[in-house]
Amino acid sequence: MSDQAVVTLKDVDVEFHGKTRSVHAVDHVNLTVNRGDIYGIVGYSGAGKSTLVRTINLLQRPTSGSVNVLGQDMLALSAAQLRKERKRIGMIFQHFNLMNSRTIADNVAFPLKGIKSKQEIKKKVAELLDLVGLTDRANSYPAQLSGGQKQRVGIARALASDPEILISDEATSALDPKTTSSILDLLKSLNERLGLTIVLITHQMEAVKQICNRVAVMDAGAIIERGDLLQVFSNPKQQLTKDFIDTTLQLDQAIESVLQQPAVKNLGPNDRLLRLTYVGASADQPLVAKLFKSYHVTANILFGDIQILQDTPFGNLIVVLSGDQAQVDTGIQYLKQQDVKIEDILKKEA
């Protein structure tokens, strides 16, 4: 992953003024995307994600702030220069935006008309359809394709001008989970094979978890948290980020279920119901065995989950720790020394 910035937004502000009210859609955002990143921008509907990302290619001009893309001050460009620069920034959309009266090959070829010869276009389209796994559908029409296939056409068309950056604006939101996963895998492979930098706009933290290396969380037009994917998942600072992550990992449902279990309803005075979060090397340690062997603390595991994020194990356990109060406290200190993050679930519930 390169540290060379390809997108730099500084103090970007977008305001919309209506007759009766004004909307502050993007609130003084700073954002840097480096070459080779798959940068996820996540937030609920209305958070300002799509408005923000459209300032990158100036489909939305900011009210104030600066936009630098691939070394160009985008706001200083003439209309002709801007059209040229936009070819370096591909874009795919939630609803595909295909032309129903044209074949798949013609849809992919559309951005190349008048730029390349017929023979060059034919060759390029064949390469792109092969890249997205649709060689056999070149002469089909959009109505004959599934949602996932249509999005693959959208991706092929976005790649026609050989962009260096690809913006995915909620591109998987209309797809079922299995199809979403296959489209995300395709984007990941394009990132690796073509060196493509991808900015992924989504309200699905699951999508971010699957392919992104960096993530920013938006709320009410502002970025409230950002960082390396593993860092944000393992140690979220903002409640909204925690909510997104817990929903993705299904931890909120797990905690609800755990709270109904007899082992939790009948806790002893020294018992502690805890969520343990551990990353990397901590995941390889026999922590539960060590608690019993060294501190005589019993850990009753009520829920366990381990994920691999950026090739690093990331796990969560919900446990009841039982034993002498002093020993339980000492055991908890031991866990903290092993870089295990500890959350008291009953205190959180209270």
Protein backbone atom coordinates (compact mmCIF):
# COMPACT_ATOMS: atom_id res chain seq x y z
CA MET A 1 0.00 0.00 0.00
CA SER A 2 1.51 3.34 -1.07
CA ASP A 3 1.52 6.48 1.06
CA GLN A 4 1.14 8.61 -2.06
CA ALA A 5 -2.09 10.60 -1.75
CA VAL A 6 -4.33 10.43 -4.83
CA VAL A 7 -7.33 12.20 -3.26
CA THR A 8 -6.97 15.07 -0.80
CA LEU A 9 -10.07 16.91 0.39
CA LYS A 10 -9.40 19.88 2.67
CA ASP A 11 -12.11 21.58 4.70
CA VAL A 12 -14.74 20.57 2.11
CA ASP A 13 -18.16 22.04 2.84
CA VAL A 14 -21.38 21.52 0.86
CA GLU A 15 -24.54 23.49 1.62
CA PHE A 16 -27.85 23.33 -0.23
CA HIS A 17 -30.18 26.30 0.10
CA GLY A 18 -33.92 25.88 -0.45
CA LYS A 19 -36.76 28.37 -0.15
CA THR A 20 -37.59 27.41 3.41
CA ARG A 21 -34.49 25.65 4.73
CA SER A 22 -30.80 25.04 4.17
CA VAL A 23 -29.03 21.68 4.41
CA HIS A 24 -25.42 21.34 5.52
CA ALA A 25 -24.77 18.10 3.61
CA VAL A 26 -20.98 18.01 4.08
CA ASP A 27 -19.50 19.72 7.12
CA HIS A 28 -15.82 20.80 6.77
CA VAL A 29 -14.44 17.36 5.87
CA ASN A 30 -10.76 16.53 5.50
CA LEU A 31 -10.00 13.24 3.77
CA THR A 32 -6.88 11.65 2.28
CA VAL A 33 -7.01 8.52 0.12
CA ASN A 34 -3.66 6.93 -0.77
CA ARG A 35 -2.81 5.07 -3.97
CA GLY A 36 -3.91 1.45 -3.73
CA ASP A 37 -6.35 2.03 -0.87
CA ILE A 38 -9.79 0.50 -0.73
CA TYR A 39 -11.22 3.27 1.42
CA GLY A 40 -14.67 2.66 2.89
CA ILE A 41 -16.89 5.62 3.80
CA VAL A 42 -19.78 4.31 5.88
CA GLY A 43 -22.83 5.96 7.38
CA TYR A 44 -26.60 5.81 7.49
CA SER A 45 -28.79 7.34 4.75
CA GLY A 46 -28.56 11.11 4.84
CA ALA A 47 -25.11 11.14 6.46
CA GLY A 48 -23.63 12.97 3.45
CA LYS A 49 -21.53 10.10 2.02
CA SER A 50 -22.65 10.35 -1.60
CA THR A 51 -22.49 14.14 -1.61
CA LEU A 52 -18.96 14.01 -0.23
CA VAL A 53 -17.73 11.46 -2.76
CA ARG A 54 -19.20 13.43 -5.67
CA THR A 55 -16.95 16.33 -4.77
CA ILE A 56 -14.00 14.11 -5.79
CA ASN A 57 -14.95 14.30 -9.49
CA LEU A 58 -16.87 17.59 -9.04
CA LEU A 59 -20.23 16.09 -9.94
CA GLN A 60 -20.95 18.13 -6.80
CA ARG A 61 -18.98 21.35 -6.43
CA PRO A 62 -18.18 22.15 -2.81
CA THR A 63 -19.45 25.39 -1.30
CA SER A 64 -15.94 25.87 0.08
CA GLY A 65 -12.72 23.92 0.57
CA SER A 66 -10.19 22.36 -1.82
CA VAL A 67 -10.23 19.15 -3.89
CA ASN A 68 -6.97 17.71 -5.17
CA VAL A 69 -7.13 14.50 -7.23
CA LEU A 70 -4.15 12.79 -8.86
CA GLY A 71 -2.09 15.96 -8.42
CA GLN A 72 -4.71 18.28 -9.93
CA ASP A 73 -6.50 21.14 -8.20
CA MET A 74 -9.92 20.14 -9.52
CA LEU A 75 -11.56 23.49 -8.76
CA ALA A 76 -9.00 25.33 -10.91
CA LEU A 77 -9.72 23.32 -14.08
CA SER A 78 -11.61 24.60 -17.12
CA ALA A 79 -14.65 22.61 -18.31
CA ALA A 80 -12.55 20.88 -20.99
CA GLN A 81 -9.76 20.04 -18.53
CA LEU A 82 -12.30 18.71 -16.04
CA ARG A 83 -13.84 16.37 -18.64
CA LYS A 84 -10.37 15.02 -19.31
CA GLU A 85 -9.58 14.51 -15.62
CA ARG A 86 -12.90 12.77 -14.97
CA LYS A 87 -11.79 9.96 -17.31
CA ARG A 88 -9.22 9.07 -14.64
CA ILE A 89 -12.04 8.60 -12.10
CA GLY A 90 -14.48 5.76 -12.82
CA MET A 91 -17.84 5.55 -11.05
CA ILE A 92 -20.35 2.76 -10.43
CA PHE A 93 -23.83 3.28 -9.05
CA GLN A 94 -26.49 1.48 -7.04
CA HIS A 95 -28.97 1.28 -9.94
CA PHE A 96 -26.45 0.37 -12.68
CA ASN A 97 -27.51 3.21 -15.09
CA LEU A 98 -27.37 0.91 -18.13
CA MET A 99 -29.01 1.71 -21.48
CA ASN A 100 -31.71 -0.92 -21.94
CA SER A 101 -31.88 -0.59 -25.74
CA ARG A 102 -28.17 -1.38 -26.18
CA THR A 103 -26.37 -4.70 -25.87
CA ILE A 104 -23.98 -5.34 -23.02
CA ALA A 105 -21.01 -4.83 -25.38
CA ASP A 106 -22.48 -1.50 -26.56
CA ASN A 107 -23.04 -0.35 -22.97
CA VAL A 108 -19.40 -1.03 -22.13
CA ALA A 109 -18.24 0.59 -25.38
CA PHE A 110 -20.25 3.77 -24.88
CA PRO A 111 -17.52 5.86 -23.11
CA LEU A 112 -15.07 5.00 -25.92
CA LYS A 113 -17.22 6.15 -28.86
CA GLY A 114 -15.46 8.85 -30.83
CA ILE A 115 -12.21 8.32 -28.93
CA LYS A 116 -10.98 4.98 -30.26
CA SER A 117 -11.39 3.15 -33.58
CA LYS A 118 -14.04 0.44 -33.96
CA GLN A 119 -11.35 -2.23 -33.88
CA GLU A 120 -9.77 -0.79 -30.72
CA ILE A 121 -13.17 -0.52 -29.06
CA LYS A 122 -14.04 -4.13 -29.93
CA LYS A 123 -10.74 -5.35 -28.45
CA LYS A 124 -11.12 -3.23 -25.30
CA VAL A 125 -14.71 -4.34 -24.70
CA ALA A 126 -13.70 -7.99 -25.04
CA GLU A 127 -10.91 -7.47 -22.48
CA LEU A 128 -13.24 -5.73 -20.03
CA LEU A 129 -16.02 -8.31 -20.31
CA ASP A 130 -13.44 -11.03 -19.70
CA LEU A 131 -12.18 -9.11 -16.67
CA VAL A 132 -15.65 -9.05 -15.08
CA GLY A 133 -16.60 -12.58 -16.15
CA LEU A 134 -19.26 -11.71 -18.75
CA THR A 135 -17.65 -12.72 -22.06
CA ASP A 136 -20.63 -14.91 -22.93
CA ARG A 137 -23.16 -12.09 -22.40
CA ALA A 138 -21.71 -9.56 -24.87
CA ASN A 139 -24.76 -9.69 -27.16
CA SER A 140 -27.37 -9.86 -24.39
CA TYR A 141 -29.45 -6.90 -23.23
CA PRO A 142 -29.64 -5.54 -19.67
CA ALA A 143 -33.16 -6.92 -19.16
CA GLN A 144 -31.76 -10.44 -19.65
CA LEU A 145 -29.21 -10.07 -16.83
CA SER A 146 -29.40 -10.51 -13.07
CA GLY A 147 -28.67 -7.60 -10.74
CA GLY A 148 -25.17 -8.86 -10.08
CA GLN A 149 -24.45 -9.23 -13.80
CA LYS A 150 -25.75 -5.71 -14.46
CA GLN A 151 -23.39 -4.36 -11.82
CA ARG A 152 -20.49 -6.22 -13.47
CA VAL A 153 -21.40 -4.43 -16.70
CA GLY A 154 -21.40 -1.15 -14.77
CA ILE A 155 -17.93 -1.95 -13.48
CA ALA A 156 -16.66 -2.86 -16.96
CA ARG A 157 -18.04 0.40 -18.37
CA ALA A 158 -16.44 2.39 -15.52
CA LEU A 159 -13.08 0.80 -16.39
CA ALA A 160 -13.31 1.59 -20.11
CA SER A 161 -11.25 4.78 -19.83
CA ASP A 162 -8.55 3.05 -17.73
CA PRO A 163 -9.21 5.10 -14.59
CA GLU A 164 -6.79 5.21 -11.67
CA ILE A 165 -9.57 5.72 -9.14
CA LEU A 166 -12.92 3.91 -8.96
CA ILE A 167 -15.79 5.33 -6.90
CA SER A 168 -18.41 2.82 -5.82
CA ASP A 169 -21.51 4.72 -4.68
CA GLU A 170 -23.71 2.21 -2.83
CA ALA A 171 -23.02 -0.18 -5.71
CA THR A 172 -24.02 -3.30 -3.73
CA SER A 173 -27.03 -1.88 -1.87
CA ALA A 174 -29.62 -3.31 -4.28
CA LEU A 175 -28.06 -6.79 -4.32
CA ASP A 176 -28.62 -9.89 -2.20
CA PRO A 177 -25.84 -10.87 0.27
CA LYS A 178 -24.28 -13.61 -1.91
CA THR A 179 -24.19 -11.37 -5.00
CA THR A 180 -22.88 -8.48 -2.90
CA SER A 181 -20.02 -10.66 -1.72
CA SER A 182 -19.10 -11.68 -5.29
CA ILE A 183 -19.10 -8.03 -6.47
CA LEU A 184 -16.90 -7.04 -3.53
CA ASP A 185 -14.52 -9.89 -4.36
CA LEU A 186 -14.37 -8.58 -7.93
CA LEU A 187 -13.54 -5.06 -6.71
CA LYS A 188 -10.83 -6.46 -4.45
CA SER A 189 -9.28 -8.39 -7.35
CA LEU A 190 -9.35 -5.26 -9.56
CA ASN A 191 -7.60 -3.35 -6.79
CA GLU A 192 -4.87 -5.99 -6.68
CA ARG A 193 -4.54 -6.74 -10.42
CA LEU A 194 -4.85 -3.20 -11.80
CA GLY A 195 -3.49 -1.21 -8.86
CA LEU A 196 -6.89 0.51 -8.78
CA THR A 197 -7.62 2.86 -5.88
CA ILE A 198 -11.24 2.36 -4.73
CA VAL A 199 -13.47 4.64 -2.67
CA LEU A 200 -16.41 2.57 -1.41
CA ILE A 201 -19.52 4.44 -0.24
CA THR A 202 -21.87 2.20 1.74
CA HIS A 203 -24.21 1.91 4.70
CA GLN A 204 -23.14 -1.74 5.08
CA MET A 205 -20.23 -2.19 7.49
CA GLU A 206 -20.14 -5.81 6.27
CA ALA A 207 -18.94 -4.54 2.87
CA VAL A 208 -16.23 -2.44 4.52
CA LYS A 209 -15.15 -5.41 6.63
CA GLN A 210 -14.82 -7.66 3.57
CA ILE A 211 -12.46 -5.60 1.40
CA CYS A 212 -11.43 -2.21 2.84
CA ASN A 213 -8.08 -1.38 4.41
CA ARG A 214 -9.18 2.02 5.70
CA VAL A 215 -12.52 3.34 6.86
CA ALA A 216 -14.22 6.63 7.74
CA VAL A 217 -17.56 6.86 9.55
CA MET A 218 -19.86 9.75 8.62
CA ASP A 219 -22.73 11.28 10.55
CA ALA A 220 -24.62 14.50 9.84
CA GLY A 221 -22.17 15.55 7.12
CA ALA A 222 -19.03 15.12 9.23
CA ILE A 223 -16.46 12.34 9.55
CA ILE A 224 -16.67 11.30 13.21
CA GLU A 225 -14.09 8.48 13.14
CA ARG A 226 -11.47 7.19 10.74
CA GLY A 227 -8.46 4.92 10.58
CA ASP A 228 -7.03 1.58 9.64
CA LEU A 229 -9.81 -1.05 9.38
CA LEU A 230 -8.40 -3.28 12.12
CA GLN A 231 -7.80 -0.34 14.43
CA VAL A 232 -11.37 0.94 14.03
CA PHE A 233 -12.94 -2.51 14.43
CA SER A 234 -10.90 -3.47 17.48
CA ASN A 235 -11.07 -0.12 19.26
CA PRO A 236 -13.97 2.06 18.05
CA LYS A 237 -14.20 5.43 19.78
CA GLN A 238 -17.66 6.66 18.77
CA GLN A 239 -20.96 5.05 19.73
CA LEU A 240 -22.20 5.10 16.12
CA THR A 241 -19.09 3.19 15.03
CA LYS A 242 -19.61 0.65 17.84
CA ASP A 243 -23.23 0.20 16.75
CA PHE A 244 -22.21 -0.41 13.13
CA ILE A 245 -19.57 -2.95 14.15
CA ASP A 246 -21.74 -4.78 16.68
CA THR A 247 -24.53 -5.10 14.11
CA THR A 248 -22.10 -6.43 11.50
CA LEU A 249 -20.60 -8.96 13.90
CA GLN A 250 -24.12 -9.75 15.17
CA LEU A 251 -22.88 -9.03 18.69
CA ASP A 252 -25.94 -6.99 19.60
CA GLN A 253 -28.16 -10.02 18.93
CA ALA A 254 -25.70 -12.30 20.74
CA ILE A 255 -25.79 -10.09 23.84
CA GLU A 256 -29.60 -9.99 23.80
CA SER A 257 -29.67 -13.79 23.63
CA VAL A 258 -27.00 -14.19 26.32
CA LEU A 259 -28.92 -11.95 28.74
CA GLN A 260 -31.81 -14.44 28.61
CA GLN A 261 -29.67 -17.44 29.56
CA PRO A 262 -30.03 -18.94 33.08
CA ALA A 263 -26.25 -18.65 33.61
CA VAL A 264 -26.64 -14.88 33.33
CA LYS A 265 -29.95 -14.46 35.15
CA ASN A 266 -28.52 -16.32 38.16
CA LEU A 267 -25.09 -14.71 38.44
CA GLY A 268 -23.30 -15.05 41.76
CA PRO A 269 -22.09 -11.97 43.68
CA ASN A 270 -18.53 -12.27 42.34
CA ASP A 271 -19.47 -13.32 38.79
CA ARG A 272 -18.72 -10.90 35.96
CA LEU A 273 -20.40 -10.93 32.54
CA LEU A 274 -17.80 -9.54 30.16
CA ARG A 275 -17.16 -9.02 26.49
CA LEU A 276 -13.54 -9.72 25.59
CA THR A 277 -12.15 -8.31 22.34
CA TYR A 278 -8.75 -9.47 21.17
CA VAL A 279 -6.59 -8.88 18.10
CA GLY A 280 -3.59 -10.49 16.44
CA ALA A 281 -1.16 -12.23 18.80
CA SER A 282 -3.68 -12.18 21.66
CA ALA A 283 -5.95 -14.44 19.62
CA ASP A 284 -3.28 -17.16 19.67
CA GLN A 285 -2.92 -17.22 23.47
CA PRO A 286 -4.72 -19.86 25.61
CA LEU A 287 -6.21 -17.07 27.72
CA VAL A 288 -9.14 -19.01 29.19
CA ALA A 289 -6.90 -21.94 30.24
CA LYS A 290 -4.42 -19.51 31.78
CA LEU A 291 -7.18 -17.82 33.83
CA PHE A 292 -8.08 -21.14 35.43
CA LYS A 293 -4.54 -22.48 35.83
CA SER A 294 -2.91 -19.36 37.25
CA TYR A 295 -5.78 -17.47 38.90
CA HIS A 296 -8.39 -20.19 39.64
CA VAL A 297 -10.93 -18.20 37.65
CA THR A 298 -13.50 -20.16 35.65
CA ALA A 299 -14.58 -18.71 32.30
CA ASN A 300 -17.97 -19.88 31.04
CA ILE A 301 -18.01 -18.99 27.32
CA LEU A 302 -21.54 -18.02 26.23
CA PHE A 303 -20.63 -16.69 22.77
CA GLY A 304 -17.52 -16.73 20.62
CA ASP A 305 -16.62 -15.29 17.24
CA ILE A 306 -13.39 -14.88 15.31
CA GLN A 307 -12.93 -12.97 12.06
CA ILE A 308 -9.91 -12.40 9.84
CA LEU A 309 -9.48 -8.69 9.06
CA GLN A 310 -6.56 -7.69 6.84
CA ASP A 311 -5.02 -11.14 7.42
CA THR A 312 -5.17 -10.60 11.21
CA PRO A 313 -7.35 -12.60 13.65
CA PHE A 314 -9.94 -10.46 15.45
CA GLY A 315 -12.17 -12.11 18.02
CA ASN A 316 -14.93 -11.51 20.54
CA LEU A 317 -15.97 -13.66 23.48
CA ILE A 318 -18.87 -13.17 25.86
CA VAL A 319 -17.95 -14.91 29.11
CA VAL A 320 -18.97 -15.23 32.73
CA LEU A 321 -15.88 -15.11 34.96
CA SER A 322 -16.38 -16.84 38.32
CA GLY A 323 -14.17 -17.18 41.38
CA ASP A 324 -12.93 -15.29 44.40
CA GLN A 325 -13.42 -11.55 43.81
CA ALA A 326 -9.73 -10.72 44.25
CA GLN A 327 -8.74 -13.52 41.88
CA VAL A 328 -11.31 -12.41 39.28
CA ASP A 329 -9.93 -8.85 39.51
CA THR A 330 -6.37 -10.17 39.13
CA GLY A 331 -7.45 -12.33 36.16
CA ILE A 332 -9.01 -9.29 34.48
CA GLN A 333 -5.74 -7.36 34.96
CA TYR A 334 -3.89 -10.26 33.33
CA LEU A 335 -6.24 -10.10 30.32
CA LYS A 336 -5.66 -6.36 29.97
CA GLN A 337 -1.90 -6.96 30.02
CA GLN A 338 -2.45 -9.32 27.06
CA ASP A 339 -4.05 -6.41 25.14
CA VAL A 340 -7.55 -7.81 25.56
CA LYS A 341 -10.20 -5.08 25.58
CA ILE A 342 -12.77 -5.71 28.31
CA GLU A 343 -16.33 -4.43 28.49
CA ASP A 344 -18.67 -5.10 31.42
CA ILE A 345 -21.95 -5.96 29.70
CA LEU A 346 -24.21 -5.54 32.74
CA LYS A 347 -22.79 -2.09 33.50
CA LYS A 348 -23.39 -1.21 29.84
CA GLU A 349 -26.98 -2.48 30.11
CA ALA A 350 -27.52 -0.48 33.29
